[in-house]
């Protein structure tokens, strides 16, 4: 469906009219444009460009009542239903911290934002959609039946951008950073890894040693990491469901990380997708995108932080899952047992 050259806004709108059930991300890819350009083509036709900084967007979101928060990357979609509250602004990173909606936001990647009103068979669907410099979605907020429509109207008016063009210039999408090990620093990596007291120290360590997350995993070896079969992701989800434990599921992109903390109750595979379909949490994972899976053990002051982490064929992080420890209930020991039993790449558990 890709057109010769850049499609005009009129051509984009016609493609949308001709393909009403095609998801925006897929249609944009078919047209050879970014999703943000697809949205911008409807400016003045149910779409309003907004000031994109998280401070303004989150202030508006906190007044909307119950909504659905969506964060995705190329391989997985993470959806949570709840209320935005307890927003903390930061120059380099901001946060939304509550039981239902738990986000880490990176303002420098919030370049474009839109209020979208889209006709559907069930009525008008309203959303706030934010994109990075390449026009890829970093975060979306969808209104629900109980959302506050007056607050929505105030948000659109208050955040309205002075520029309302139906065309948009975007930057080239930066390539995914491939695994970057540094074998000459292996012994330093292992020594410093053993002395970690917080998981957030890990990326600082790898950067200092001129490697990245996946590069470090590939050379670290036991007892820090164990490579798993790609299919271990589904085994892990089934075991968490069967044992009824709580986990933390992290899904992110350059501009946002979204976290689910709680159980996984309903699994439903469909074609290449493995879906979690729970009352307040949904996850849609492209199993065929999973190329590498690692069980990772990092020491912290609260004990070992054990995770299962999946990567795509280019080395991009798809998601991470950790055990959940809450006051009065600590599911991390059960989680460690699940991870220990997952099949390794050599065909067996340790």
C-alpha atoms as a PDB file:
ATOM      1  CA  UNK A   1       0.000   0.000   0.000  1.00  0.00           C
ATOM      2  CA  UNK A   2       3.017   2.302   0.222  1.00  0.00           C
ATOM      3  CA  UNK A   3       2.621   5.254  -2.138  1.00  0.00           C
ATOM      4  CA  UNK A   4       5.259   6.769  -4.380  1.00  0.00           C
ATOM      5  CA  UNK A   5       6.948   9.505  -2.332  1.00  0.00           C
ATOM      6  CA  UNK A   6       5.431  10.898   0.857  1.00  0.00           C
ATOM      7  CA  UNK A   7       1.631  10.593   0.818  1.00  0.00           C
ATOM      8  CA  UNK A   8      -0.301  13.822   1.158  1.00  0.00           C
ATOM      9  CA  UNK A   9      -2.698  14.351   4.083  1.00  0.00           C
ATOM     10  CA  UNK A  10      -5.562  13.733   1.671  1.00  0.00           C
ATOM     11  CA  UNK A  11      -4.047  10.413   0.582  1.00  0.00           C
ATOM     12  CA  UNK A  12      -3.472   9.415   4.201  1.00  0.00           C
ATOM     13  CA  UNK A  13      -7.077  10.188   5.105  1.00  0.00           C
ATOM     14  CA  UNK A  14      -8.310   8.204   2.096  1.00  0.00           C
ATOM     15  CA  UNK A  15      -6.193   5.234   3.163  1.00  0.00           C
ATOM     16  CA  UNK A  16      -7.745   5.452   6.618  1.00  0.00           C
ATOM     17  CA  UNK A  17     -11.232   5.566   5.117  1.00  0.00           C
ATOM     18  CA  UNK A  18     -10.430   2.562   2.917  1.00  0.00           C
ATOM     19  CA  UNK A  19      -8.997   0.552   5.833  1.00  0.00           C
ATOM     20  CA  UNK A  20     -11.166   1.429   8.851  1.00  0.00           C
ATOM     21  CA  UNK A  21     -10.263  -1.708  10.822  1.00  0.00           C
ATOM     22  CA  UNK A  22      -6.510  -1.588  10.253  1.00  0.00           C
ATOM     23  CA  UNK A  23      -4.586  -0.522  13.348  1.00  0.00           C
ATOM     24  CA  UNK A  24      -2.961   2.886  13.056  1.00  0.00           C
ATOM     25  CA  UNK A  25       0.561   1.591  13.578  1.00  0.00           C
ATOM     26  CA  UNK A  26       0.120  -1.074  10.887  1.00  0.00           C
ATOM     27  CA  UNK A  27      -1.495   1.331   8.422  1.00  0.00           C
ATOM     28  CA  UNK A  28       1.284   3.875   8.919  1.00  0.00           C
ATOM     29  CA  UNK A  29       3.883   1.186   8.258  1.00  0.00           C
ATOM     30  CA  UNK A  30       2.030   0.125   5.116  1.00  0.00           C
ATOM     31  CA  UNK A  31       2.048   3.738   3.909  1.00  0.00           C
ATOM     32  CA  UNK A  32       5.734   4.197   4.681  1.00  0.00           C
ATOM     33  CA  UNK A  33       5.118   6.949   7.241  1.00  0.00           C
ATOM     34  CA  UNK A  34       5.202   7.286  11.017  1.00  0.00           C
ATOM     35  CA  UNK A  35       2.133   6.856  13.183  1.00  0.00           C
ATOM     36  CA  UNK A  36       2.367  10.501  14.266  1.00  0.00           C
ATOM     37  CA  UNK A  37       2.143  11.614  10.612  1.00  0.00           C
ATOM     38  CA  UNK A  38      -0.925   9.415  10.202  1.00  0.00           C
ATOM     39  CA  UNK A  39      -2.588  11.091  13.190  1.00  0.00           C
ATOM     40  CA  UNK A  40      -1.556  14.615  12.131  1.00  0.00           C
ATOM     41  CA  UNK A  41      -3.277  14.188   8.761  1.00  0.00           C
ATOM     42  CA  UNK A  42      -6.614  14.420  10.608  1.00  0.00           C
ATOM     43  CA  UNK A  43      -5.890  17.763  12.305  1.00  0.00           C
ATOM     44  CA  UNK A  44      -9.166  19.684  12.354  1.00  0.00           C
ATOM     45  CA  UNK A  45     -11.117  16.466  11.748  1.00  0.00           C
ATOM     46  CA  UNK A  46     -11.280  15.127  15.271  1.00  0.00           C
ATOM     47  CA  UNK A  47      -7.579  15.645  16.008  1.00  0.00           C
ATOM     48  CA  UNK A  48      -5.981  18.568  17.872  1.00  0.00           C
ATOM     49  CA  UNK A  49      -2.253  19.017  18.289  1.00  0.00           C
ATOM     50  CA  UNK A  50      -1.217  19.565  21.931  1.00  0.00           C
ATOM     51  CA  UNK A  51       1.836  20.810  23.799  1.00  0.00           C
ATOM     52  CA  UNK A  52       3.721  17.540  24.386  1.00  0.00           C
ATOM     53  CA  UNK A  53       5.596  17.986  27.682  1.00  0.00           C
ATOM     54  CA  UNK A  54       4.662  15.359  30.293  1.00  0.00           C
ATOM     55  CA  UNK A  55       3.982  18.012  32.953  1.00  0.00           C
ATOM     56  CA  UNK A  56       1.002  19.379  31.034  1.00  0.00           C
ATOM     57  CA  UNK A  57      -0.191  16.015  29.733  1.00  0.00           C
ATOM     58  CA  UNK A  58      -0.048  14.366  33.151  1.00  0.00           C
ATOM     59  CA  UNK A  59      -1.772  17.300  34.863  1.00  0.00           C
ATOM     60  CA  UNK A  60      -4.615  16.827  32.397  1.00  0.00           C
ATOM     61  CA  UNK A  61      -4.590  13.040  32.729  1.00  0.00           C
ATOM     62  CA  UNK A  62      -4.931  13.251  36.511  1.00  0.00           C
ATOM     63  CA  UNK A  63      -8.324  14.942  36.041  1.00  0.00           C
ATOM     64  CA  UNK A  64      -9.800  12.458  33.582  1.00  0.00           C
ATOM     65  CA  UNK A  65     -10.883   9.794  36.065  1.00  0.00           C
ATOM     66  CA  UNK A  66     -10.754   6.150  35.033  1.00  0.00           C
ATOM     67  CA  UNK A  67      -8.852   5.631  31.778  1.00  0.00           C
ATOM     68  CA  UNK A  68      -6.715   3.044  30.016  1.00  0.00           C
ATOM     69  CA  UNK A  69      -2.949   3.650  29.865  1.00  0.00           C
ATOM     70  CA  UNK A  70      -1.091   2.085  26.943  1.00  0.00           C
ATOM     71  CA  UNK A  71       2.647   1.764  26.372  1.00  0.00           C
ATOM     72  CA  UNK A  72       4.185  -0.386  23.673  1.00  0.00           C
ATOM     73  CA  UNK A  73       7.239  -1.191  21.643  1.00  0.00           C
ATOM     74  CA  UNK A  74       7.552  -3.133  18.400  1.00  0.00           C
ATOM     75  CA  UNK A  75       6.863  -6.483  20.029  1.00  0.00           C
ATOM     76  CA  UNK A  76       4.539  -6.008  23.002  1.00  0.00           C
ATOM     77  CA  UNK A  77       1.596  -3.849  24.094  1.00  0.00           C
ATOM     78  CA  UNK A  78       0.995  -3.137  27.814  1.00  0.00           C
ATOM     79  CA  UNK A  79      -2.429  -1.813  28.910  1.00  0.00           C
ATOM     80  CA  UNK A  80      -3.566  -0.812  32.401  1.00  0.00           C
ATOM     81  CA  UNK A  81      -6.924   0.519  33.578  1.00  0.00           C
ATOM     82  CA  UNK A  82      -6.941   3.002  36.431  1.00  0.00           C
ATOM     83  CA  UNK A  83      -6.657   6.633  37.480  1.00  0.00           C
ATOM     84  CA  UNK A  84      -3.617   8.838  36.933  1.00  0.00           C
ATOM     85  CA  UNK A  85      -2.447  10.216  40.283  1.00  0.00           C
ATOM     86  CA  UNK A  86       0.696  10.999  42.260  1.00  0.00           C
ATOM     87  CA  UNK A  87       2.680  12.525  39.393  1.00  0.00           C
ATOM     88  CA  UNK A  88       6.274  13.555  40.093  1.00  0.00           C
ATOM     89  CA  UNK A  89       7.957  15.832  37.562  1.00  0.00           C
ATOM     90  CA  UNK A  90      11.669  15.578  36.790  1.00  0.00           C
ATOM     91  CA  UNK A  91      14.042  17.165  34.318  1.00  0.00           C
ATOM     92  CA  UNK A  92      15.354  13.841  33.016  1.00  0.00           C
ATOM     93  CA  UNK A  93      12.715  11.414  34.303  1.00  0.00           C
ATOM     94  CA  UNK A  94       9.199  11.839  35.670  1.00  0.00           C
ATOM     95  CA  UNK A  95       6.937   9.313  37.375  1.00  0.00           C
ATOM     96  CA  UNK A  96       3.318   8.383  37.951  1.00  0.00           C
ATOM     97  CA  UNK A  97       3.191   6.233  41.080  1.00  0.00           C
ATOM     98  CA  UNK A  98       0.056   4.419  42.135  1.00  0.00           C
ATOM     99  CA  UNK A  99      -1.139   0.830  42.357  1.00  0.00           C
ATOM    100  CA  UNK A 100      -2.920   0.760  38.998  1.00  0.00           C
ATOM    101  CA  UNK A 101      -0.890   3.107  36.780  1.00  0.00           C
ATOM    102  CA  UNK A 102       2.859   3.054  37.374  1.00  0.00           C
ATOM    103  CA  UNK A 103       4.991   4.927  34.804  1.00  0.00           C
ATOM    104  CA  UNK A 104       8.496   6.236  34.229  1.00  0.00           C
ATOM    105  CA  UNK A 105       8.483   9.084  31.697  1.00  0.00           C
ATOM    106  CA  UNK A 106      11.468  10.549  29.835  1.00  0.00           C
ATOM    107  CA  UNK A 107      10.519  14.077  28.718  1.00  0.00           C
ATOM    108  CA  UNK A 108      13.233  14.545  26.089  1.00  0.00           C
ATOM    109  CA  UNK A 109      11.483  11.935  23.937  1.00  0.00           C
ATOM    110  CA  UNK A 110       8.024  13.545  24.129  1.00  0.00           C
ATOM    111  CA  UNK A 111       8.067  15.553  20.883  1.00  0.00           C
ATOM    112  CA  UNK A 112       4.483  15.430  19.555  1.00  0.00           C
ATOM    113  CA  UNK A 113       1.092  15.059  21.240  1.00  0.00           C
ATOM    114  CA  UNK A 114      -2.488  14.929  19.991  1.00  0.00           C
ATOM    115  CA  UNK A 115      -6.011  14.721  21.327  1.00  0.00           C
ATOM    116  CA  UNK A 116      -7.824  12.232  19.100  1.00  0.00           C
ATOM    117  CA  UNK A 117     -11.549  11.698  18.690  1.00  0.00           C
ATOM    118  CA  UNK A 118     -12.189   8.668  16.497  1.00  0.00           C
ATOM    119  CA  UNK A 119     -15.637   7.433  15.442  1.00  0.00           C
ATOM    120  CA  UNK A 120     -16.180   3.735  16.161  1.00  0.00           C
ATOM    121  CA  UNK A 121     -19.147   1.365  16.145  1.00  0.00           C
ATOM    122  CA  UNK A 122     -19.445   1.989  19.903  1.00  0.00           C
ATOM    123  CA  UNK A 123     -19.307   5.792  19.600  1.00  0.00           C
ATOM    124  CA  UNK A 124     -16.525   8.370  19.743  1.00  0.00           C
ATOM    125  CA  UNK A 125     -13.297   7.015  21.215  1.00  0.00           C
ATOM    126  CA  UNK A 126     -11.173   9.753  22.804  1.00  0.00           C
ATOM    127  CA  UNK A 127      -7.470   9.508  23.516  1.00  0.00           C
ATOM    128  CA  UNK A 128      -4.315  11.474  24.216  1.00  0.00           C
ATOM    129  CA  UNK A 129      -1.448  10.182  22.074  1.00  0.00           C
ATOM    130  CA  UNK A 130       2.216  11.107  22.511  1.00  0.00           C
ATOM    131  CA  UNK A 131       5.070  10.434  20.067  1.00  0.00           C
ATOM    132  CA  UNK A 132       8.847  10.707  19.901  1.00  0.00           C
ATOM    133  CA  UNK A 133      10.938  12.607  17.330  1.00  0.00           C
ATOM    134  CA  UNK A 134      10.615   9.734  14.839  1.00  0.00           C
ATOM    135  CA  UNK A 135       6.831   9.747  15.168  1.00  0.00           C
ATOM    136  CA  UNK A 136       6.666   6.480  17.136  1.00  0.00           C
ATOM    137  CA  UNK A 137       4.144   6.323  19.973  1.00  0.00           C
ATOM    138  CA  UNK A 138       5.645   6.613  23.450  1.00  0.00           C
ATOM    139  CA  UNK A 139       2.379   6.595  25.441  1.00  0.00           C
ATOM    140  CA  UNK A 140      -1.392   6.745  24.920  1.00  0.00           C
ATOM    141  CA  UNK A 141      -4.299   7.445  27.266  1.00  0.00           C
ATOM    142  CA  UNK A 142      -7.768   6.211  26.256  1.00  0.00           C
ATOM    143  CA  UNK A 143     -10.925   7.472  27.906  1.00  0.00           C
ATOM    144  CA  UNK A 144     -13.510   5.001  29.184  1.00  0.00           C
ATOM    145  CA  UNK A 145     -17.225   5.178  29.947  1.00  0.00           C
ATOM    146  CA  UNK A 146     -16.638   6.669  33.395  1.00  0.00           C
ATOM    147  CA  UNK A 147     -14.053   9.232  32.303  1.00  0.00           C
ATOM    148  CA  UNK A 148     -14.739  12.946  32.847  1.00  0.00           C
ATOM    149  CA  UNK A 149     -15.646  14.512  29.485  1.00  0.00           C
ATOM    150  CA  UNK A 150     -15.624  18.048  30.910  1.00  0.00           C
ATOM    151  CA  UNK A 151     -12.024  17.486  32.035  1.00  0.00           C
ATOM    152  CA  UNK A 152     -11.251  16.175  28.550  1.00  0.00           C
ATOM    153  CA  UNK A 153     -12.586  19.363  26.954  1.00  0.00           C
ATOM    154  CA  UNK A 154     -10.584  21.513  29.378  1.00  0.00           C
ATOM    155  CA  UNK A 155      -7.449  19.495  28.619  1.00  0.00           C
ATOM    156  CA  UNK A 156      -7.810  19.910  24.862  1.00  0.00           C
ATOM    157  CA  UNK A 157      -8.396  23.655  25.193  1.00  0.00           C
ATOM    158  CA  UNK A 158      -5.637  24.201  27.761  1.00  0.00           C
ATOM    159  CA  UNK A 159      -2.961  22.152  25.970  1.00  0.00           C
ATOM    160  CA  UNK A 160      -3.793  23.233  22.422  1.00  0.00           C
ATOM    161  CA  UNK A 161      -0.594  23.850  20.405  1.00  0.00           C
ATOM    162  CA  UNK A 162      -0.337  27.083  18.420  1.00  0.00           C
ATOM    163  CA  UNK A 163       0.680  25.089  15.355  1.00  0.00           C
ATOM    164  CA  UNK A 164      -2.140  22.965  13.911  1.00  0.00           C
ATOM    165  CA  UNK A 165      -0.738  21.793  10.558  1.00  0.00           C
ATOM    166  CA  UNK A 166      -1.957  18.513   9.084  1.00  0.00           C
ATOM    167  CA  UNK A 167       1.594  17.754   7.937  1.00  0.00           C
ATOM    168  CA  UNK A 168       4.429  16.807  10.271  1.00  0.00           C
ATOM    169  CA  UNK A 169       8.194  16.500   9.896  1.00  0.00           C
ATOM    170  CA  UNK A 170       9.785  13.641  11.804  1.00  0.00           C
ATOM    171  CA  UNK A 171      13.348  12.462  12.277  1.00  0.00           C
ATOM    172  CA  UNK A 172      14.739   9.168  11.052  1.00  0.00           C
ATOM    173  CA  UNK A 173      14.166   6.380  13.550  1.00  0.00           C
ATOM    174  CA  UNK A 174      17.439   5.621  15.371  1.00  0.00           C
ATOM    175  CA  UNK A 175      18.596   2.024  14.921  1.00  0.00           C
ATOM    176  CA  UNK A 176      18.312  -0.434  17.780  1.00  0.00           C
ATOM    177  CA  UNK A 177      21.633  -0.767  19.561  1.00  0.00           C
ATOM    178  CA  UNK A 178      22.929  -4.278  19.016  1.00  0.00           C
ATOM    179  CA  UNK A 179      24.476  -6.250  21.870  1.00  0.00           C
ATOM    180  CA  UNK A 180      27.689  -4.499  22.896  1.00  0.00           C
ATOM    181  CA  UNK A 181      29.931  -6.675  25.085  1.00  0.00           C
ATOM    182  CA  UNK A 182      33.424  -5.737  26.208  1.00  0.00           C
ATOM    183  CA  UNK A 183      35.247  -8.986  27.035  1.00  0.00           C
ATOM    184  CA  UNK A 184      38.338  -7.075  28.160  1.00  0.00           C
ATOM    185  CA  UNK A 185      36.270  -5.800  31.106  1.00  0.00           C
ATOM    186  CA  UNK A 186      34.671  -9.129  32.003  1.00  0.00           C
ATOM    187  CA  UNK A 187      36.379  -9.552  35.374  1.00  0.00           C
ATOM    188  CA  UNK A 188      35.545  -5.966  36.383  1.00  0.00           C
ATOM    189  CA  UNK A 189      31.937  -6.550  35.317  1.00  0.00           C
ATOM    190  CA  UNK A 190      31.649  -9.674  37.455  1.00  0.00           C
ATOM    191  CA  UNK A 191      33.326  -8.061  40.464  1.00  0.00           C
ATOM    192  CA  UNK A 192      31.176  -4.933  40.326  1.00  0.00           C
ATOM    193  CA  UNK A 193      27.998  -6.899  39.576  1.00  0.00           C
ATOM    194  CA  UNK A 194      28.482  -8.889  42.769  1.00  0.00           C
ATOM    195  CA  UNK A 195      28.661  -5.620  44.727  1.00  0.00           C
ATOM    196  CA  UNK A 196      25.433  -4.087  43.398  1.00  0.00           C
ATOM    197  CA  UNK A 197      22.985  -2.868  46.043  1.00  0.00           C
ATOM    198  CA  UNK A 198      20.226  -1.613  43.706  1.00  0.00           C
ATOM    199  CA  UNK A 199      19.098  -2.739  40.243  1.00  0.00           C
ATOM    200  CA  UNK A 200      19.260   0.866  38.991  1.00  0.00           C
ATOM    201  CA  UNK A 201      23.051   0.759  39.387  1.00  0.00           C
ATOM    202  CA  UNK A 202      23.384  -1.843  36.652  1.00  0.00           C
ATOM    203  CA  UNK A 203      23.075   0.384  33.580  1.00  0.00           C
ATOM    204  CA  UNK A 204      25.512   2.864  35.103  1.00  0.00           C
ATOM    205  CA  UNK A 205      27.957   0.000  35.541  1.00  0.00           C
ATOM    206  CA  UNK A 206      27.605  -1.264  31.976  1.00  0.00           C
ATOM    207  CA  UNK A 207      27.920   2.233  30.520  1.00  0.00           C
ATOM    208  CA  UNK A 208      31.101   2.830  32.494  1.00  0.00           C
ATOM    209  CA  UNK A 209      32.511  -0.428  31.115  1.00  0.00           C
ATOM    210  CA  UNK A 210      31.502   0.529  27.550  1.00  0.00           C
ATOM    211  CA  UNK A 211      28.949  -2.207  27.056  1.00  0.00           C
ATOM    212  CA  UNK A 212      25.157  -2.396  27.157  1.00  0.00           C
ATOM    213  CA  UNK A 213      22.611  -4.600  28.924  1.00  0.00           C
ATOM    214  CA  UNK A 214      22.481  -7.451  26.405  1.00  0.00           C
ATOM    215  CA  UNK A 215      26.225  -7.300  25.789  1.00  0.00           C
ATOM    216  CA  UNK A 216      26.850  -7.740  29.507  1.00  0.00           C
ATOM    217  CA  UNK A 217      24.410 -10.652  29.721  1.00  0.00           C
ATOM    218  CA  UNK A 218      26.138 -12.463  26.874  1.00  0.00           C
ATOM    219  CA  UNK A 219      29.510 -12.545  28.619  1.00  0.00           C
ATOM    220  CA  UNK A 220      28.726 -12.475  32.366  1.00  0.00           C
ATOM    221  CA  UNK A 221      27.973 -16.170  32.864  1.00  0.00           C
ATOM    222  CA  UNK A 222      26.819 -17.926  36.047  1.00  0.00           C
ATOM    223  CA  UNK A 223      25.773 -17.108  38.714  1.00  0.00           C
ATOM    224  CA  UNK A 224      24.636 -13.791  37.231  1.00  0.00           C
ATOM    225  CA  UNK A 225      22.780 -14.903  34.100  1.00  0.00           C
ATOM    226  CA  UNK A 226      21.428 -18.008  32.379  1.00  0.00           C
ATOM    227  CA  UNK A 227      20.194 -18.001  28.801  1.00  0.00           C
ATOM    228  CA  UNK A 228      16.773 -19.571  28.383  1.00  0.00           C
ATOM    229  CA  UNK A 229      14.902 -21.076  25.463  1.00  0.00           C
ATOM    230  CA  UNK A 230      12.824 -18.418  23.645  1.00  0.00           C
ATOM    231  CA  UNK A 231       9.729 -20.474  24.461  1.00  0.00           C
ATOM    232  CA  UNK A 232      10.488 -20.097  28.181  1.00  0.00           C
ATOM    233  CA  UNK A 233       8.577 -16.802  28.076  1.00  0.00           C
ATOM    234  CA  UNK A 234       5.295 -18.678  27.644  1.00  0.00           C
ATOM    235  CA  UNK A 235       6.324 -21.283  30.225  1.00  0.00           C
ATOM    236  CA  UNK A 236       6.996 -18.442  32.662  1.00  0.00           C
ATOM    237  CA  UNK A 237       3.596 -16.799  32.083  1.00  0.00           C
ATOM    238  CA  UNK A 238       1.803 -20.127  32.534  1.00  0.00           C
ATOM    239  CA  UNK A 239       3.673 -20.874  35.760  1.00  0.00           C
ATOM    240  CA  UNK A 240       2.895 -17.430  37.205  1.00  0.00           C
ATOM    241  CA  UNK A 241      -0.773 -17.964  36.321  1.00  0.00           C
ATOM    242  CA  UNK A 242      -0.838 -21.480  37.814  1.00  0.00           C
ATOM    243  CA  UNK A 243       0.824 -20.496  41.086  1.00  0.00           C
ATOM    244  CA  UNK A 244      -1.209 -17.307  41.515  1.00  0.00           C
ATOM    245  CA  UNK A 245       1.789 -15.172  42.448  1.00  0.00           C
ATOM    246  CA  UNK A 246       2.318 -11.467  41.865  1.00  0.00           C
ATOM    247  CA  UNK A 247       4.915 -10.198  39.415  1.00  0.00           C
ATOM    248  CA  UNK A 248       6.078  -6.872  38.019  1.00  0.00           C
ATOM    249  CA  UNK A 249       5.889  -6.643  34.211  1.00  0.00           C
ATOM    250  CA  UNK A 250       7.924  -3.811  32.656  1.00  0.00           C
ATOM    251  CA  UNK A 251       7.304  -2.723  29.046  1.00  0.00           C
ATOM    252  CA  UNK A 252       8.977   0.355  27.625  1.00  0.00           C
ATOM    253  CA  UNK A 253      10.270   2.427  24.765  1.00  0.00           C
ATOM    254  CA  UNK A 254      12.493   5.510  24.588  1.00  0.00           C
ATOM    255  CA  UNK A 255       9.877   7.775  26.159  1.00  0.00           C
ATOM    256  CA  UNK A 256       7.993   5.667  28.696  1.00  0.00           C
ATOM    257  CA  UNK A 257       8.149   2.527  30.842  1.00  0.00           C
ATOM    258  CA  UNK A 258       4.858   1.101  32.103  1.00  0.00           C
ATOM    259  CA  UNK A 259       4.682  -1.399  34.970  1.00  0.00           C
ATOM    260  CA  UNK A 260       2.047  -3.907  36.030  1.00  0.00           C
ATOM    261  CA  UNK A 261       2.291  -5.188  39.598  1.00  0.00           C
ATOM    262  CA  UNK A 262       0.043  -8.111  40.418  1.00  0.00           C
ATOM    263  CA  UNK A 263      -1.077 -11.540  39.223  1.00  0.00           C
ATOM    264  CA  UNK A 264      -1.579 -12.894  35.710  1.00  0.00           C
ATOM    265  CA  UNK A 265      -4.907 -14.684  35.534  1.00  0.00           C
ATOM    266  CA  UNK A 266      -6.085 -15.149  31.935  1.00  0.00           C
ATOM    267  CA  UNK A 267      -3.792 -16.295  29.129  1.00  0.00           C
ATOM    268  CA  UNK A 268      -5.118 -16.565  25.601  1.00  0.00           C
ATOM    269  CA  UNK A 269      -2.857 -17.280  22.625  1.00  0.00           C
ATOM    270  CA  UNK A 270      -4.008 -16.110  19.196  1.00  0.00           C
ATOM    271  CA  UNK A 271      -1.807 -16.709  16.168  1.00  0.00           C
ATOM    272  CA  UNK A 272       1.653 -15.260  16.879  1.00  0.00           C
ATOM    273  CA  UNK A 273       0.294 -13.341  19.883  1.00  0.00           C
ATOM    274  CA  UNK A 274       0.318 -14.473  23.515  1.00  0.00           C
ATOM    275  CA  UNK A 275      -2.285 -12.380  25.335  1.00  0.00           C
ATOM    276  CA  UNK A 276      -2.916 -11.630  28.987  1.00  0.00           C
ATOM    277  CA  UNK A 277      -6.565 -10.544  29.263  1.00  0.00           C
ATOM    278  CA  UNK A 278      -7.294  -9.612  32.879  1.00  0.00           C
ATOM    279  CA  UNK A 279      -9.827  -7.139  34.260  1.00  0.00           C
ATOM    280  CA  UNK A 280      -7.376  -4.267  34.767  1.00  0.00           C
ATOM    281  CA  UNK A 281      -4.348  -5.461  32.825  1.00  0.00           C
ATOM    282  CA  UNK A 282      -3.764  -6.659  29.276  1.00  0.00           C
ATOM    283  CA  UNK A 283      -0.543  -7.700  27.576  1.00  0.00           C
ATOM    284  CA  UNK A 284      -0.181  -8.567  23.896  1.00  0.00           C
ATOM    285  CA  UNK A 285       3.157 -10.222  23.081  1.00  0.00           C
ATOM    286  CA  UNK A 286       4.449 -11.212  19.644  1.00  0.00           C
ATOM    287  CA  UNK A 287       6.005 -14.542  20.538  1.00  0.00           C
ATOM    288  CA  UNK A 288       7.653 -14.773  17.136  1.00  0.00           C
ATOM    289  CA  UNK A 289       9.660 -11.612  17.912  1.00  0.00           C
ATOM    290  CA  UNK A 290      11.348 -13.200  20.925  1.00  0.00           C
ATOM    291  CA  UNK A 291      14.901 -14.125  19.922  1.00  0.00           C
ATOM    292  CA  UNK A 292      16.797 -14.218  23.239  1.00  0.00           C
ATOM    293  CA  UNK A 293      15.609 -14.739  26.815  1.00  0.00           C
ATOM    294  CA  UNK A 294      17.770 -14.376  29.912  1.00  0.00           C
ATOM    295  CA  UNK A 295      17.267 -15.208  33.568  1.00  0.00           C
ATOM    296  CA  UNK A 296      19.155 -12.480  35.428  1.00  0.00           C
ATOM    297  CA  UNK A 297      20.162 -12.246  39.092  1.00  0.00           C
ATOM    298  CA  UNK A 298      21.214  -8.899  40.566  1.00  0.00           C
ATOM    299  CA  UNK A 299      22.026  -8.442  44.268  1.00  0.00           C
ATOM    300  CA  UNK A 300      20.218  -5.665  46.159  1.00  0.00           C
ATOM    301  CA  UNK A 301      19.856  -4.548  49.764  1.00  0.00           C
ATOM    302  CA  UNK A 302      16.489  -6.359  49.867  1.00  0.00           C
ATOM    303  CA  UNK A 303      17.896  -9.598  48.509  1.00  0.00           C
ATOM    304  CA  UNK A 304      18.389 -10.955  44.995  1.00  0.00           C
ATOM    305  CA  UNK A 305      16.365  -9.289  42.205  1.00  0.00           C
ATOM    306  CA  UNK A 306      15.682 -12.101  39.743  1.00  0.00           C
ATOM    307  CA  UNK A 307      14.214 -11.253  36.351  1.00  0.00           C
ATOM    308  CA  UNK A 308      13.258 -12.843  33.051  1.00  0.00           C
ATOM    309  CA  UNK A 309      14.136 -10.535  30.154  1.00  0.00           C
ATOM    310  CA  UNK A 310      13.258 -10.967  26.481  1.00  0.00           C
ATOM    311  CA  UNK A 311      15.007  -9.404  23.478  1.00  0.00           C
ATOM    312  CA  UNK A 312      14.233  -9.277  19.768  1.00  0.00           C
ATOM    313  CA  UNK A 313      16.532 -10.343  16.929  1.00  0.00           C
ATOM    314  CA  UNK A 314      18.090  -6.872  16.704  1.00  0.00           C
ATOM    315  CA  UNK A 315      18.917  -6.790  20.416  1.00  0.00           C
ATOM    316  CA  UNK A 316      16.015  -4.578  21.502  1.00  0.00           C
ATOM    317  CA  UNK A 317      14.556  -5.171  24.962  1.00  0.00           C
ATOM    318  CA  UNK A 318      10.954  -6.420  24.684  1.00  0.00           C
ATOM    319  CA  UNK A 319      10.028  -6.719  28.364  1.00  0.00           C
ATOM    320  CA  UNK A 320      11.240  -7.641  31.844  1.00  0.00           C
ATOM    321  CA  UNK A 321       9.437  -9.559  34.584  1.00  0.00           C
ATOM    322  CA  UNK A 322      10.421  -9.512  38.285  1.00  0.00           C
ATOM    323  CA  UNK A 323       8.931 -11.148  41.359  1.00  0.00           C
ATOM    324  CA  UNK A 324       6.648  -8.934  43.447  1.00  0.00           C
ATOM    325  CA  UNK A 325       7.369  -8.314  47.107  1.00  0.00           C
ATOM    326  CA  UNK A 326       4.777  -6.371  49.108  1.00  0.00           C
ATOM    327  CA  UNK A 327       4.360  -5.733  52.785  1.00  0.00           C
ATOM    328  CA  UNK A 328       2.639  -8.772  54.243  1.00  0.00           C
ATOM    329  CA  UNK A 329       3.178 -10.865  51.103  1.00  0.00           C
ATOM    330  CA  UNK A 330       6.450 -11.681  49.401  1.00  0.00           C
ATOM    331  CA  UNK A 331       6.092 -13.668  46.178  1.00  0.00           C
ATOM    332  CA  UNK A 332       9.772 -13.374  45.272  1.00  0.00           C
ATOM    333  CA  UNK A 333      10.815 -16.789  46.667  1.00  0.00           C
ATOM    334  CA  UNK A 334       8.074 -18.498  44.614  1.00  0.00           C
ATOM    335  CA  UNK A 335       9.119 -16.441  41.599  1.00  0.00           C
ATOM    336  CA  UNK A 336      12.749 -17.526  41.990  1.00  0.00           C
ATOM    337  CA  UNK A 337      11.536 -21.127  42.012  1.00  0.00           C
ATOM    338  CA  UNK A 338       9.650 -20.585  38.761  1.00  0.00           C
ATOM    339  CA  UNK A 339      12.672 -19.003  37.093  1.00  0.00           C
ATOM    340  CA  UNK A 340      14.995 -21.758  38.294  1.00  0.00           C
ATOM    341  CA  UNK A 341      12.755 -24.346  36.613  1.00  0.00           C
ATOM    342  CA  UNK A 342      12.594 -22.642  33.205  1.00  0.00           C
ATOM    343  CA  UNK A 343      14.298 -24.514  30.352  1.00  0.00           C
ATOM    344  CA  UNK A 344      17.784 -23.294  29.526  1.00  0.00           C
ATOM    345  CA  UNK A 345      19.053 -22.898  25.991  1.00  0.00           C
ATOM    346  CA  UNK A 346      20.992 -26.148  26.432  1.00  0.00           C
ATOM    347  CA  UNK A 347      17.679 -27.951  26.812  1.00  0.00           C
ATOM    348  CA  UNK A 348      17.362 -28.191  30.573  1.00  0.00           C
ATOM    349  CA  UNK A 349      16.975 -26.329  33.851  1.00  0.00           C
ATOM    350  CA  UNK A 350      20.048 -25.911  36.080  1.00  0.00           C
END
